[in-house]
C-alpha cells in the first residue's frame, strides 16, 4: 500500500503586497520582525549649544555639545543645514515621537532695572506626539535669548527667538511646532501688552501700524520689520524660507547722534541683537518683539507720551498632532530647547 504525502503549501508574499497598500517589500515583515533602527535612540534634548545672540550655533558647537551620543558625529544622521540654519536630525526608526519645544525668553536688561512688570517676557512651551517614518529629516531651530548693549543709563532688551520643528519634502516645508519667544523688556512705562510668548489660538497680533524703534519679531516664512514699519531697517529673518538667512535675529546699530537724549549718553556705536529664532532688536527705551509662528510686535512710540502697546509672539502646533498640550511659560534667562522622545 502506498501513501500520498501532501506537499507543504507555499506562501507567496510578493503578490500580497498590493493588499497592504504598498508596492515594495521594505518595511513588510511577514514574520513580525521590526525594521532595523539606523541607530539607537531613546530621547535627546536639542539646545543652543552655548550659542547666544542673533546667530545660531555652528556644527562644531553642536557636535561638541552632543558628543555623548552615537549619532551626532555621523553626517548621515545629523548635521547643520545652512540653508535653514537648522539642526538636521534623521529619524532612526518609524514610530511615534513626542516633541516638547520651548521658545527663548526675552534678553536681559543690562542697564537700569525695569519698573513693575516691564521686564523681559518668557518663552512658551508646547508638547505633542507625531508619527514619523524612518529616514525622515527633522529640522530643529532652537531659539536663543538676545544680547543687549551695555549702558549705565536706561535700557530695554531684545526679543527672544522662537523654537521651530519642521520637516521637508521635495522643497516643501511642513511646520510641526513653533514655540514663541518672549518679547524684550522696556524701561519705565514703555512696556508691551503681552510680554510673554503665547499659545496657539490667542488673538492675532493686529497692532502693527508701526512699532516703536524696537523691531518686530519674525514669524514662519515672514521677516520682521523695524520699529518704523520699514522692511529696509533692522529685520529679524523668518524661518522656513530656505534662503540662508533663516532665523537670524535683528541687529541694530545706534549712532552717537539720536533723536532723544538718553541718560548716560552714548560712547561710539552700540549694537543689540535679537535672539536667533527671529527675535527683534531693541533700543534704549523700547524692547524688541519675540520670534514665533507670528512674530511679536514691539511697542509703538512716536513720542514719550505716545505709549501704544504691542503683542507677544504666537505659537503653533500642527492640527493633526496627538496629545497636544500647552505647557505654559518657561522662565527668565532661558534659551529655547527641543526634547525629542521615542514612545
C-alpha atoms as a PDB file:
ATOM      1  CA  UNK A   1       0.000   0.000   0.000  1.00  0.00           C
ATOM      2  CA  UNK A   2       1.328   3.461  -0.853  1.00  0.00           C
ATOM      3  CA  UNK A   3       0.566   6.726   0.854  1.00  0.00           C
ATOM      4  CA  UNK A   4       0.412  10.158  -0.765  1.00  0.00           C
ATOM      5  CA  UNK A   5       2.026  12.720   1.454  1.00  0.00           C
ATOM      6  CA  UNK A   6       0.769  16.231   0.596  1.00  0.00           C
ATOM      7  CA  UNK A   7       3.381  18.849  -0.067  1.00  0.00           C
ATOM      8  CA  UNK A   8       3.736  21.687   2.399  1.00  0.00           C
ATOM      9  CA  UNK A   9       1.838  24.660   0.929  1.00  0.00           C
ATOM     10  CA  UNK A  10       3.970  27.511  -0.320  1.00  0.00           C
ATOM     11  CA  UNK A  11       3.250  31.017   0.892  1.00  0.00           C
ATOM     12  CA  UNK A  12       3.929  33.628  -1.742  1.00  0.00           C
ATOM     13  CA  UNK A  13       4.348  37.050  -0.115  1.00  0.00           C
ATOM     14  CA  UNK A  14       5.065  39.231  -3.123  1.00  0.00           C
ATOM     15  CA  UNK A  15       1.542  39.072  -4.660  1.00  0.00           C
ATOM     16  CA  UNK A  16       0.092  40.033  -1.298  1.00  0.00           C
ATOM     17  CA  UNK A  17       1.895  43.364  -1.095  1.00  0.00           C
ATOM     18  CA  UNK A  18      -0.761  45.269  -3.000  1.00  0.00           C
ATOM     19  CA  UNK A  19      -3.362  44.336  -0.423  1.00  0.00           C
ATOM     20  CA  UNK A  20      -1.246  46.128   2.163  1.00  0.00           C
ATOM     21  CA  UNK A  21      -1.179  49.339   0.160  1.00  0.00           C
ATOM     22  CA  UNK A  22       2.464  49.197  -0.898  1.00  0.00           C
ATOM     23  CA  UNK A  23       4.467  48.175  -3.929  1.00  0.00           C
ATOM     24  CA  UNK A  24       7.690  47.464  -2.084  1.00  0.00           C
ATOM     25  CA  UNK A  25       8.726  44.826   0.398  1.00  0.00           C
ATOM     26  CA  UNK A  26      10.554  47.424   2.509  1.00  0.00           C
ATOM     27  CA  UNK A  27       9.009  47.542   5.950  1.00  0.00           C
ATOM     28  CA  UNK A  28       6.762  44.480   5.245  1.00  0.00           C
ATOM     29  CA  UNK A  29       7.727  41.789   7.708  1.00  0.00           C
ATOM     30  CA  UNK A  30       5.543  38.625   7.416  1.00  0.00           C
ATOM     31  CA  UNK A  31       7.460  37.075  10.303  1.00  0.00           C
ATOM     32  CA  UNK A  32       6.708  40.025  12.568  1.00  0.00           C
ATOM     33  CA  UNK A  33      10.313  41.265  12.605  1.00  0.00           C
ATOM     34  CA  UNK A  34      10.564  45.025  13.110  1.00  0.00           C
ATOM     35  CA  UNK A  35      12.655  47.207  10.839  1.00  0.00           C
ATOM     36  CA  UNK A  36      16.215  47.704  11.969  1.00  0.00           C
ATOM     37  CA  UNK A  37      16.872  51.111  13.557  1.00  0.00           C
ATOM     38  CA  UNK A  38      19.500  53.282  11.909  1.00  0.00           C
ATOM     39  CA  UNK A  39      20.980  53.879  15.364  1.00  0.00           C
ATOM     40  CA  UNK A  40      19.955  53.501  18.990  1.00  0.00           C
ATOM     41  CA  UNK A  41      17.756  56.331  20.179  1.00  0.00           C
ATOM     42  CA  UNK A  42      15.515  56.861  23.189  1.00  0.00           C
ATOM     43  CA  UNK A  43      15.474  60.628  23.801  1.00  0.00           C
ATOM     44  CA  UNK A  44      17.612  63.716  23.312  1.00  0.00           C
ATOM     45  CA  UNK A  45      17.492  67.401  24.228  1.00  0.00           C
ATOM     46  CA  UNK A  46      18.439  69.717  21.354  1.00  0.00           C
ATOM     47  CA  UNK A  47      19.856  73.040  22.595  1.00  0.00           C
ATOM     48  CA  UNK A  48      21.564  76.254  21.501  1.00  0.00           C
ATOM     49  CA  UNK A  49      24.917  74.550  22.277  1.00  0.00           C
ATOM     50  CA  UNK A  50      26.395  77.591  24.119  1.00  0.00           C
ATOM     51  CA  UNK A  51      25.496  79.972  21.268  1.00  0.00           C
ATOM     52  CA  UNK A  52      23.768  83.277  22.076  1.00  0.00           C
ATOM     53  CA  UNK A  53      22.502  86.334  20.253  1.00  0.00           C
ATOM     54  CA  UNK A  54      21.346  86.812  16.689  1.00  0.00           C
ATOM     55  CA  UNK A  55      23.153  83.880  15.068  1.00  0.00           C
ATOM     56  CA  UNK A  56      22.677  80.199  15.772  1.00  0.00           C
ATOM     57  CA  UNK A  57      25.263  77.574  16.746  1.00  0.00           C
ATOM     58  CA  UNK A  58      27.914  76.154  14.439  1.00  0.00           C
ATOM     59  CA  UNK A  59      28.134  72.468  13.590  1.00  0.00           C
ATOM     60  CA  UNK A  60      31.297  72.221  15.701  1.00  0.00           C
ATOM     61  CA  UNK A  61      29.451  73.644  18.722  1.00  0.00           C
ATOM     62  CA  UNK A  62      26.586  71.202  18.219  1.00  0.00           C
ATOM     63  CA  UNK A  63      28.680  68.065  17.798  1.00  0.00           C
ATOM     64  CA  UNK A  64      30.695  69.052  20.867  1.00  0.00           C
ATOM     65  CA  UNK A  65      27.539  69.590  22.920  1.00  0.00           C
ATOM     66  CA  UNK A  66      26.096  66.245  21.747  1.00  0.00           C
ATOM     67  CA  UNK A  67      29.364  64.292  21.965  1.00  0.00           C
ATOM     68  CA  UNK A  68      27.881  61.694  24.314  1.00  0.00           C
ATOM     69  CA  UNK A  69      25.559  60.428  21.538  1.00  0.00           C
ATOM     70  CA  UNK A  70      26.418  57.805  18.924  1.00  0.00           C
ATOM     71  CA  UNK A  71      24.886  59.734  16.031  1.00  0.00           C
ATOM     72  CA  UNK A  72      25.928  63.404  16.261  1.00  0.00           C
ATOM     73  CA  UNK A  73      29.334  62.798  14.654  1.00  0.00           C
ATOM     74  CA  UNK A  74      27.814  60.913  11.699  1.00  0.00           C
ATOM     75  CA  UNK A  75      26.795  63.370   8.975  1.00  0.00           C
ATOM     76  CA  UNK A  76      24.326  60.827   7.560  1.00  0.00           C
ATOM     77  CA  UNK A  77      22.320  61.100  10.776  1.00  0.00           C
ATOM     78  CA  UNK A  78      22.962  64.648  11.979  1.00  0.00           C
ATOM     79  CA  UNK A  79      24.271  67.898  10.533  1.00  0.00           C
ATOM     80  CA  UNK A  80      23.629  71.638  10.378  1.00  0.00           C
ATOM     81  CA  UNK A  81      21.609  72.578   7.326  1.00  0.00           C
ATOM     82  CA  UNK A  82      22.913  76.003   6.379  1.00  0.00           C
ATOM     83  CA  UNK A  83      20.031  76.777   4.021  1.00  0.00           C
ATOM     84  CA  UNK A  84      17.664  76.754   7.005  1.00  0.00           C
ATOM     85  CA  UNK A  85      20.321  77.367   9.700  1.00  0.00           C
ATOM     86  CA  UNK A  86      18.641  74.441  11.464  1.00  0.00           C
ATOM     87  CA  UNK A  87      19.833  71.244  13.077  1.00  0.00           C
ATOM     88  CA  UNK A  88      19.017  68.327  10.770  1.00  0.00           C
ATOM     89  CA  UNK A  89      18.285  65.044  12.536  1.00  0.00           C
ATOM     90  CA  UNK A  90      17.431  61.726  10.850  1.00  0.00           C
ATOM     91  CA  UNK A  91      14.560  59.733  12.380  1.00  0.00           C
ATOM     92  CA  UNK A  92      16.139  56.337  13.164  1.00  0.00           C
ATOM     93  CA  UNK A  93      13.006  54.178  13.385  1.00  0.00           C
ATOM     94  CA  UNK A  94       9.399  54.552  12.287  1.00  0.00           C
ATOM     95  CA  UNK A  95       7.002  55.235  15.118  1.00  0.00           C
ATOM     96  CA  UNK A  96       5.529  57.854  17.418  1.00  0.00           C
ATOM     97  CA  UNK A  97       7.751  60.623  18.694  1.00  0.00           C
ATOM     98  CA  UNK A  98       6.952  63.191  21.364  1.00  0.00           C
ATOM     99  CA  UNK A  99       8.203  66.727  20.718  1.00  0.00           C
ATOM    100  CA  UNK A 100       8.492  69.225  23.577  1.00  0.00           C
ATOM    101  CA  UNK A 101       9.573  72.701  22.492  1.00  0.00           C
ATOM    102  CA  UNK A 102      10.267  75.932  24.376  1.00  0.00           C
ATOM    103  CA  UNK A 103      10.881  79.413  22.993  1.00  0.00           C
ATOM    104  CA  UNK A 104      13.639  81.624  24.390  1.00  0.00           C
ATOM    105  CA  UNK A 105      12.998  84.305  26.983  1.00  0.00           C
ATOM    106  CA  UNK A 106      13.461  87.964  26.111  1.00  0.00           C
ATOM    107  CA  UNK A 107      17.008  89.218  26.522  1.00  0.00           C
ATOM    108  CA  UNK A 108      18.247  90.607  29.823  1.00  0.00           C
ATOM    109  CA  UNK A 109      18.224  94.319  30.574  1.00  0.00           C
ATOM    110  CA  UNK A 110      21.810  95.258  31.290  1.00  0.00           C
ATOM    111  CA  UNK A 111      21.298  98.869  32.372  1.00  0.00           C
ATOM    112  CA  UNK A 112      18.691 100.122  34.864  1.00  0.00           C
ATOM    113  CA  UNK A 113      16.197  97.572  36.106  1.00  0.00           C
ATOM    114  CA  UNK A 114      12.703  97.761  34.578  1.00  0.00           C
ATOM    115  CA  UNK A 115       9.851  99.101  36.672  1.00  0.00           C
ATOM    116  CA  UNK A 116       6.863  96.965  37.631  1.00  0.00           C
ATOM    117  CA  UNK A 117       6.089  94.143  35.225  1.00  0.00           C
ATOM    118  CA  UNK A 118       8.020  95.639  32.313  1.00  0.00           C
ATOM    119  CA  UNK A 119      10.775  93.037  32.350  1.00  0.00           C
ATOM    120  CA  UNK A 120      11.576  90.605  29.534  1.00  0.00           C
ATOM    121  CA  UNK A 121       8.875  88.100  28.632  1.00  0.00           C
ATOM    122  CA  UNK A 122       9.084  84.320  28.927  1.00  0.00           C
ATOM    123  CA  UNK A 123       9.044  81.851  26.050  1.00  0.00           C
ATOM    124  CA  UNK A 124       6.093  79.473  25.670  1.00  0.00           C
ATOM    125  CA  UNK A 125       6.242  75.664  25.934  1.00  0.00           C
ATOM    126  CA  UNK A 126       4.334  73.008  23.942  1.00  0.00           C
ATOM    127  CA  UNK A 127       4.163  69.234  23.712  1.00  0.00           C
ATOM    128  CA  UNK A 128       2.610  66.918  21.109  1.00  0.00           C
ATOM    129  CA  UNK A 129       3.061  63.472  19.528  1.00  0.00           C
ATOM    130  CA  UNK A 130       3.764  62.825  15.839  1.00  0.00           C
ATOM    131  CA  UNK A 131       4.057  59.706  13.674  1.00  0.00           C
ATOM    132  CA  UNK A 132       7.372  59.891  11.831  1.00  0.00           C
ATOM    133  CA  UNK A 133       8.832  57.445   9.319  1.00  0.00           C
ATOM    134  CA  UNK A 134      12.364  56.104   9.388  1.00  0.00           C
ATOM    135  CA  UNK A 135      14.708  58.296   7.351  1.00  0.00           C
ATOM    136  CA  UNK A 136      12.606  61.451   7.737  1.00  0.00           C
ATOM    137  CA  UNK A 137      14.721  64.564   8.241  1.00  0.00           C
ATOM    138  CA  UNK A 138      13.600  66.565  11.248  1.00  0.00           C
ATOM    139  CA  UNK A 139      14.716  70.207  11.162  1.00  0.00           C
ATOM    140  CA  UNK A 140      15.147  71.850  14.558  1.00  0.00           C
ATOM    141  CA  UNK A 141      15.816  75.560  15.086  1.00  0.00           C
ATOM    142  CA  UNK A 142      16.332  76.347  18.770  1.00  0.00           C
ATOM    143  CA  UNK A 143      15.549  79.918  19.831  1.00  0.00           C
ATOM    144  CA  UNK A 144      18.127  81.964  21.718  1.00  0.00           C
ATOM    145  CA  UNK A 145      17.995  84.936  24.047  1.00  0.00           C
ATOM    146  CA  UNK A 146      19.029  88.236  22.533  1.00  0.00           C
ATOM    147  CA  UNK A 147      22.116  90.190  23.576  1.00  0.00           C
ATOM    148  CA  UNK A 148      21.752  93.748  24.855  1.00  0.00           C
ATOM    149  CA  UNK A 149      24.005  96.743  24.657  1.00  0.00           C
ATOM    150  CA  UNK A 150      25.514  97.716  27.996  1.00  0.00           C
ATOM    151  CA  UNK A 151      24.918 101.251  29.224  1.00  0.00           C
ATOM    152  CA  UNK A 152      24.848 102.934  32.612  1.00  0.00           C
ATOM    153  CA  UNK A 153      21.615 104.697  31.727  1.00  0.00           C
ATOM    154  CA  UNK A 154      18.130 103.400  30.986  1.00  0.00           C
ATOM    155  CA  UNK A 155      17.783 100.242  28.978  1.00  0.00           C
ATOM    156  CA  UNK A 156      15.473  97.931  27.076  1.00  0.00           C
ATOM    157  CA  UNK A 157      16.197  94.470  25.753  1.00  0.00           C
ATOM    158  CA  UNK A 158      15.750  92.459  22.535  1.00  0.00           C
ATOM    159  CA  UNK A 159      13.165  89.756  21.954  1.00  0.00           C
ATOM    160  CA  UNK A 160      13.860  86.061  22.402  1.00  0.00           C
ATOM    161  CA  UNK A 161      13.891  83.738  19.429  1.00  0.00           C
ATOM    162  CA  UNK A 162      11.146  81.225  18.732  1.00  0.00           C
ATOM    163  CA  UNK A 163      11.852  77.492  18.540  1.00  0.00           C
ATOM    164  CA  UNK A 164      10.719  75.669  15.379  1.00  0.00           C
ATOM    165  CA  UNK A 165      10.457  71.994  14.372  1.00  0.00           C
ATOM    166  CA  UNK A 166       9.583  71.070  10.795  1.00  0.00           C
ATOM    167  CA  UNK A 167      10.053  68.513   8.039  1.00  0.00           C
ATOM    168  CA  UNK A 168      10.837  68.996   4.353  1.00  0.00           C
ATOM    169  CA  UNK A 169       9.765  67.002   1.303  1.00  0.00           C
ATOM    170  CA  UNK A 170      10.689  67.910  -2.260  1.00  0.00           C
ATOM    171  CA  UNK A 171      11.326  71.523  -1.326  1.00  0.00           C
ATOM    172  CA  UNK A 172       8.098  71.943   0.645  1.00  0.00           C
ATOM    173  CA  UNK A 173       8.341  72.544   4.396  1.00  0.00           C
ATOM    174  CA  UNK A 174       5.768  71.283   6.894  1.00  0.00           C
ATOM    175  CA  UNK A 175       5.782  73.029  10.258  1.00  0.00           C
ATOM    176  CA  UNK A 176       5.107  70.653  13.145  1.00  0.00           C
ATOM    177  CA  UNK A 177       5.552  73.043  16.061  1.00  0.00           C
ATOM    178  CA  UNK A 178       6.586  76.631  16.798  1.00  0.00           C
ATOM    179  CA  UNK A 179       7.124  77.719  20.407  1.00  0.00           C
ATOM    180  CA  UNK A 180       7.052  81.515  20.715  1.00  0.00           C
ATOM    181  CA  UNK A 181       9.872  83.530  22.245  1.00  0.00           C
ATOM    182  CA  UNK A 182       9.256  86.279  24.787  1.00  0.00           C
ATOM    183  CA  UNK A 183       9.286  89.991  23.980  1.00  0.00           C
ATOM    184  CA  UNK A 184      12.110  92.148  25.283  1.00  0.00           C
ATOM    185  CA  UNK A 185      11.714  94.247  28.410  1.00  0.00           C
ATOM    186  CA  UNK A 186      11.360  98.018  28.420  1.00  0.00           C
ATOM    187  CA  UNK A 187      12.348 100.841  30.708  1.00  0.00           C
ATOM    188  CA  UNK A 188       9.749 102.616  32.851  1.00  0.00           C
ATOM    189  CA  UNK A 189       6.252 102.690  31.310  1.00  0.00           C
ATOM    190  CA  UNK A 190       7.491 101.810  27.850  1.00  0.00           C
ATOM    191  CA  UNK A 191       6.233  98.268  28.016  1.00  0.00           C
ATOM    192  CA  UNK A 192       4.370  95.681  25.957  1.00  0.00           C
ATOM    193  CA  UNK A 193       0.823  94.421  26.448  1.00  0.00           C
ATOM    194  CA  UNK A 194       1.821  90.759  26.123  1.00  0.00           C
ATOM    195  CA  UNK A 195       5.470  90.410  27.113  1.00  0.00           C
ATOM    196  CA  UNK A 196       5.324  86.609  27.022  1.00  0.00           C
ATOM    197  CA  UNK A 197       5.073  84.201  24.118  1.00  0.00           C
ATOM    198  CA  UNK A 198       1.539  82.904  23.669  1.00  0.00           C
ATOM    199  CA  UNK A 199      -0.181  79.599  22.987  1.00  0.00           C
ATOM    200  CA  UNK A 200      -1.918  78.804  19.664  1.00  0.00           C
ATOM    201  CA  UNK A 201      -5.399  80.205  19.337  1.00  0.00           C
ATOM    202  CA  UNK A 202      -4.713  83.522  21.046  1.00  0.00           C
ATOM    203  CA  UNK A 203      -5.750  86.804  19.483  1.00  0.00           C
ATOM    204  CA  UNK A 204      -3.679  87.590  16.423  1.00  0.00           C
ATOM    205  CA  UNK A 205      -1.172  90.400  16.954  1.00  0.00           C
ATOM    206  CA  UNK A 206      -3.007  93.025  14.945  1.00  0.00           C
ATOM    207  CA  UNK A 207      -1.487  96.191  16.391  1.00  0.00           C
ATOM    208  CA  UNK A 208       1.037  96.513  13.593  1.00  0.00           C
ATOM    209  CA  UNK A 209       0.609 100.106  12.468  1.00  0.00           C
ATOM    210  CA  UNK A 210       4.277 100.891  13.004  1.00  0.00           C
ATOM    211  CA  UNK A 211       6.017  99.635  16.104  1.00  0.00           C
ATOM    212  CA  UNK A 212       8.444 101.712  18.139  1.00  0.00           C
ATOM    213  CA  UNK A 213      12.108 101.936  17.286  1.00  0.00           C
ATOM    214  CA  UNK A 214      12.447  98.431  18.631  1.00  0.00           C
ATOM    215  CA  UNK A 215      11.751  95.972  15.811  1.00  0.00           C
ATOM    216  CA  UNK A 216       9.093  93.293  15.448  1.00  0.00           C
ATOM    217  CA  UNK A 217       9.954  89.631  15.738  1.00  0.00           C
ATOM    218  CA  UNK A 218       9.899  87.321  12.713  1.00  0.00           C
ATOM    219  CA  UNK A 219       7.432  84.533  12.006  1.00  0.00           C
ATOM    220  CA  UNK A 220       7.141  81.373   9.945  1.00  0.00           C
ATOM    221  CA  UNK A 221       8.270  82.424   6.449  1.00  0.00           C
ATOM    222  CA  UNK A 222       7.742  86.087   7.386  1.00  0.00           C
ATOM    223  CA  UNK A 223      10.510  88.582   8.161  1.00  0.00           C
ATOM    224  CA  UNK A 224      10.044  91.162  10.881  1.00  0.00           C
ATOM    225  CA  UNK A 225      10.167  94.897  10.187  1.00  0.00           C
ATOM    226  CA  UNK A 226      11.988  97.651  12.003  1.00  0.00           C
ATOM    227  CA  UNK A 227      10.399  99.950  14.540  1.00  0.00           C
ATOM    228  CA  UNK A 228       9.046 102.352  11.925  1.00  0.00           C
ATOM    229  CA  UNK A 229       7.349  99.573   9.938  1.00  0.00           C
ATOM    230  CA  UNK A 230      10.028  99.644   7.256  1.00  0.00           C
ATOM    231  CA  UNK A 231      11.346  96.436   5.654  1.00  0.00           C
ATOM    232  CA  UNK A 232      14.652  98.218   4.990  1.00  0.00           C
ATOM    233  CA  UNK A 233      15.542  98.665   8.663  1.00  0.00           C
ATOM    234  CA  UNK A 234      16.912  96.062  11.095  1.00  0.00           C
ATOM    235  CA  UNK A 235      14.954  92.904  10.343  1.00  0.00           C
ATOM    236  CA  UNK A 236      14.536  89.612  12.102  1.00  0.00           C
ATOM    237  CA  UNK A 237      14.578  86.853   9.494  1.00  0.00           C
ATOM    238  CA  UNK A 238      11.676  84.439   9.022  1.00  0.00           C
ATOM    239  CA  UNK A 239      12.007  80.663   9.318  1.00  0.00           C
ATOM    240  CA  UNK A 240      11.323  78.033   6.665  1.00  0.00           C
ATOM    241  CA  UNK A 241      12.138  80.181   3.632  1.00  0.00           C
ATOM    242  CA  UNK A 242      15.310  78.249   2.715  1.00  0.00           C
ATOM    243  CA  UNK A 243      17.234  81.398   1.777  1.00  0.00           C
ATOM    244  CA  UNK A 244      20.257  81.032   4.035  1.00  0.00           C
ATOM    245  CA  UNK A 245      19.076  83.838   6.354  1.00  0.00           C
ATOM    246  CA  UNK A 246      16.503  81.843   8.304  1.00  0.00           C
ATOM    247  CA  UNK A 247      16.110  82.639  11.961  1.00  0.00           C
ATOM    248  CA  UNK A 248      18.664  85.431  12.268  1.00  0.00           C
ATOM    249  CA  UNK A 249      17.789  87.966  14.932  1.00  0.00           C
ATOM    250  CA  UNK A 250      17.647  91.645  14.060  1.00  0.00           C
ATOM    251  CA  UNK A 251      20.732  93.775  14.718  1.00  0.00           C
ATOM    252  CA  UNK A 252      20.539  97.476  15.486  1.00  0.00           C
ATOM    253  CA  UNK A 253      23.423  99.953  15.443  1.00  0.00           C
ATOM    254  CA  UNK A 254      22.826 103.167  17.338  1.00  0.00           C
ATOM    255  CA  UNK A 255      24.915 106.209  16.340  1.00  0.00           C
ATOM    256  CA  UNK A 256      26.179 108.944  18.634  1.00  0.00           C
ATOM    257  CA  UNK A 257      23.542 111.373  17.465  1.00  0.00           C
ATOM    258  CA  UNK A 258      19.966 110.345  18.214  1.00  0.00           C
ATOM    259  CA  UNK A 259      16.552 111.969  18.225  1.00  0.00           C
ATOM    260  CA  UNK A 260      16.379 111.660  22.002  1.00  0.00           C
ATOM    261  CA  UNK A 261      18.939 112.348  24.707  1.00  0.00           C
ATOM    262  CA  UNK A 262      19.430 109.164  26.670  1.00  0.00           C
ATOM    263  CA  UNK A 263      20.635 109.189  30.280  1.00  0.00           C
ATOM    264  CA  UNK A 264      24.220 108.017  30.494  1.00  0.00           C
ATOM    265  CA  UNK A 265      24.970 109.127  26.969  1.00  0.00           C
ATOM    266  CA  UNK A 266      26.423 107.014  24.200  1.00  0.00           C
ATOM    267  CA  UNK A 267      30.012 106.145  23.512  1.00  0.00           C
ATOM    268  CA  UNK A 268      30.512 105.322  19.861  1.00  0.00           C
ATOM    269  CA  UNK A 269      28.081 102.965  18.190  1.00  0.00           C
ATOM    270  CA  UNK A 270      26.205 100.381  20.236  1.00  0.00           C
ATOM    271  CA  UNK A 271      24.748  97.132  18.899  1.00  0.00           C
ATOM    272  CA  UNK A 272      21.949  94.981  20.226  1.00  0.00           C
ATOM    273  CA  UNK A 273      20.882  91.710  18.641  1.00  0.00           C
ATOM    274  CA  UNK A 274      17.540  89.975  18.797  1.00  0.00           C
ATOM    275  CA  UNK A 275      17.703  86.289  19.653  1.00  0.00           C
ATOM    276  CA  UNK A 276      18.268  83.649  16.971  1.00  0.00           C
ATOM    277  CA  UNK A 277      14.863  82.323  16.004  1.00  0.00           C
ATOM    278  CA  UNK A 278      13.532  85.651  14.743  1.00  0.00           C
ATOM    279  CA  UNK A 279      13.917  87.886  17.794  1.00  0.00           C
ATOM    280  CA  UNK A 280      13.517  91.639  17.212  1.00  0.00           C
ATOM    281  CA  UNK A 281      16.123  94.156  18.306  1.00  0.00           C
ATOM    282  CA  UNK A 282      15.798  96.858  20.980  1.00  0.00           C
ATOM    283  CA  UNK A 283      16.737 100.472  21.548  1.00  0.00           C
ATOM    284  CA  UNK A 284      17.406 102.105  24.922  1.00  0.00           C
ATOM    285  CA  UNK A 285      13.711 102.590  25.675  1.00  0.00           C
ATOM    286  CA  UNK A 286      11.809 100.063  23.530  1.00  0.00           C
ATOM    287  CA  UNK A 287      12.099  96.298  23.735  1.00  0.00           C
ATOM    288  CA  UNK A 288      12.065  94.085  20.634  1.00  0.00           C
ATOM    289  CA  UNK A 289       9.374  91.562  19.701  1.00  0.00           C
ATOM    290  CA  UNK A 290       9.835  87.826  20.141  1.00  0.00           C
ATOM    291  CA  UNK A 291      10.057  85.328  17.290  1.00  0.00           C
ATOM    292  CA  UNK A 292       7.284  82.804  16.740  1.00  0.00           C
ATOM    293  CA  UNK A 293       4.695  81.423  14.319  1.00  0.00           C
ATOM    294  CA  UNK A 294       3.669  85.065  14.159  1.00  0.00           C
ATOM    295  CA  UNK A 295       6.307  87.431  15.463  1.00  0.00           C
ATOM    296  CA  UNK A 296       5.633  89.660  18.448  1.00  0.00           C
ATOM    297  CA  UNK A 297       5.023  93.338  17.806  1.00  0.00           C
ATOM    298  CA  UNK A 298       7.238  95.852  19.509  1.00  0.00           C
ATOM    299  CA  UNK A 299       5.922  98.951  21.210  1.00  0.00           C
ATOM    300  CA  UNK A 300       4.916 101.960  19.161  1.00  0.00           C
ATOM    301  CA  UNK A 301       6.457 105.181  20.459  1.00  0.00           C
ATOM    302  CA  UNK A 302       6.369 108.266  18.281  1.00  0.00           C
ATOM    303  CA  UNK A 303       6.845 110.430  21.321  1.00  0.00           C
ATOM    304  CA  UNK A 304       7.482 109.897  25.007  1.00  0.00           C
ATOM    305  CA  UNK A 305       3.780 110.183  25.845  1.00  0.00           C
ATOM    306  CA  UNK A 306       2.527 108.043  22.919  1.00  0.00           C
ATOM    307  CA  UNK A 307       2.536 104.633  24.561  1.00  0.00           C
ATOM    308  CA  UNK A 308       0.747 102.183  22.299  1.00  0.00           C
ATOM    309  CA  UNK A 309       1.372  98.645  23.439  1.00  0.00           C
ATOM    310  CA  UNK A 310       2.413  95.608  21.411  1.00  0.00           C
ATOM    311  CA  UNK A 311       1.572  91.911  21.428  1.00  0.00           C
ATOM    312  CA  UNK A 312       3.595  88.813  22.240  1.00  0.00           C
ATOM    313  CA  UNK A 313       4.555  86.288  19.574  1.00  0.00           C
ATOM    314  CA  UNK A 314       2.127  83.479  18.728  1.00  0.00           C
ATOM    315  CA  UNK A 315       2.831  79.725  18.836  1.00  0.00           C
ATOM    316  CA  UNK A 316       1.658  76.862  16.598  1.00  0.00           C
ATOM    317  CA  UNK A 317       1.121  73.087  16.794  1.00  0.00           C
ATOM    318  CA  UNK A 318       0.103  71.093  13.698  1.00  0.00           C
ATOM    319  CA  UNK A 319      -3.617  70.300  13.787  1.00  0.00           C
ATOM    320  CA  UNK A 320      -3.321  66.517  13.359  1.00  0.00           C
ATOM    321  CA  UNK A 321      -0.786  66.062  16.175  1.00  0.00           C
ATOM    322  CA  UNK A 322      -1.841  63.776  19.029  1.00  0.00           C
ATOM    323  CA  UNK A 323      -1.908  64.582  22.752  1.00  0.00           C
ATOM    324  CA  UNK A 324      -1.368  68.299  22.226  1.00  0.00           C
ATOM    325  CA  UNK A 325      -0.574  70.080  25.464  1.00  0.00           C
ATOM    326  CA  UNK A 326       0.166  73.754  26.098  1.00  0.00           C
ATOM    327  CA  UNK A 327       2.684  73.597  28.918  1.00  0.00           C
ATOM    328  CA  UNK A 328       2.661  77.262  29.796  1.00  0.00           C
ATOM    329  CA  UNK A 329       5.541  79.656  30.181  1.00  0.00           C
ATOM    330  CA  UNK A 330       9.211  78.943  30.612  1.00  0.00           C
ATOM    331  CA  UNK A 331      11.323  81.069  32.908  1.00  0.00           C
ATOM    332  CA  UNK A 332      13.545  84.126  32.780  1.00  0.00           C
ATOM    333  CA  UNK A 333      17.059  83.826  31.476  1.00  0.00           C
ATOM    334  CA  UNK A 334      16.495  80.662  29.443  1.00  0.00           C
ATOM    335  CA  UNK A 335      17.263  79.805  25.845  1.00  0.00           C
ATOM    336  CA  UNK A 336      14.914  77.576  23.893  1.00  0.00           C
ATOM    337  CA  UNK A 337      15.143  73.807  23.635  1.00  0.00           C
ATOM    338  CA  UNK A 338      13.551  70.775  21.968  1.00  0.00           C
ATOM    339  CA  UNK A 339      13.193  67.408  23.713  1.00  0.00           C
ATOM    340  CA  UNK A 340      12.581  64.539  21.269  1.00  0.00           C
ATOM    341  CA  UNK A 341      11.431  61.196  22.748  1.00  0.00           C
ATOM    342  CA  UNK A 342      10.689  57.891  21.007  1.00  0.00           C
ATOM    343  CA  UNK A 343       7.480  56.497  22.547  1.00  0.00           C
END
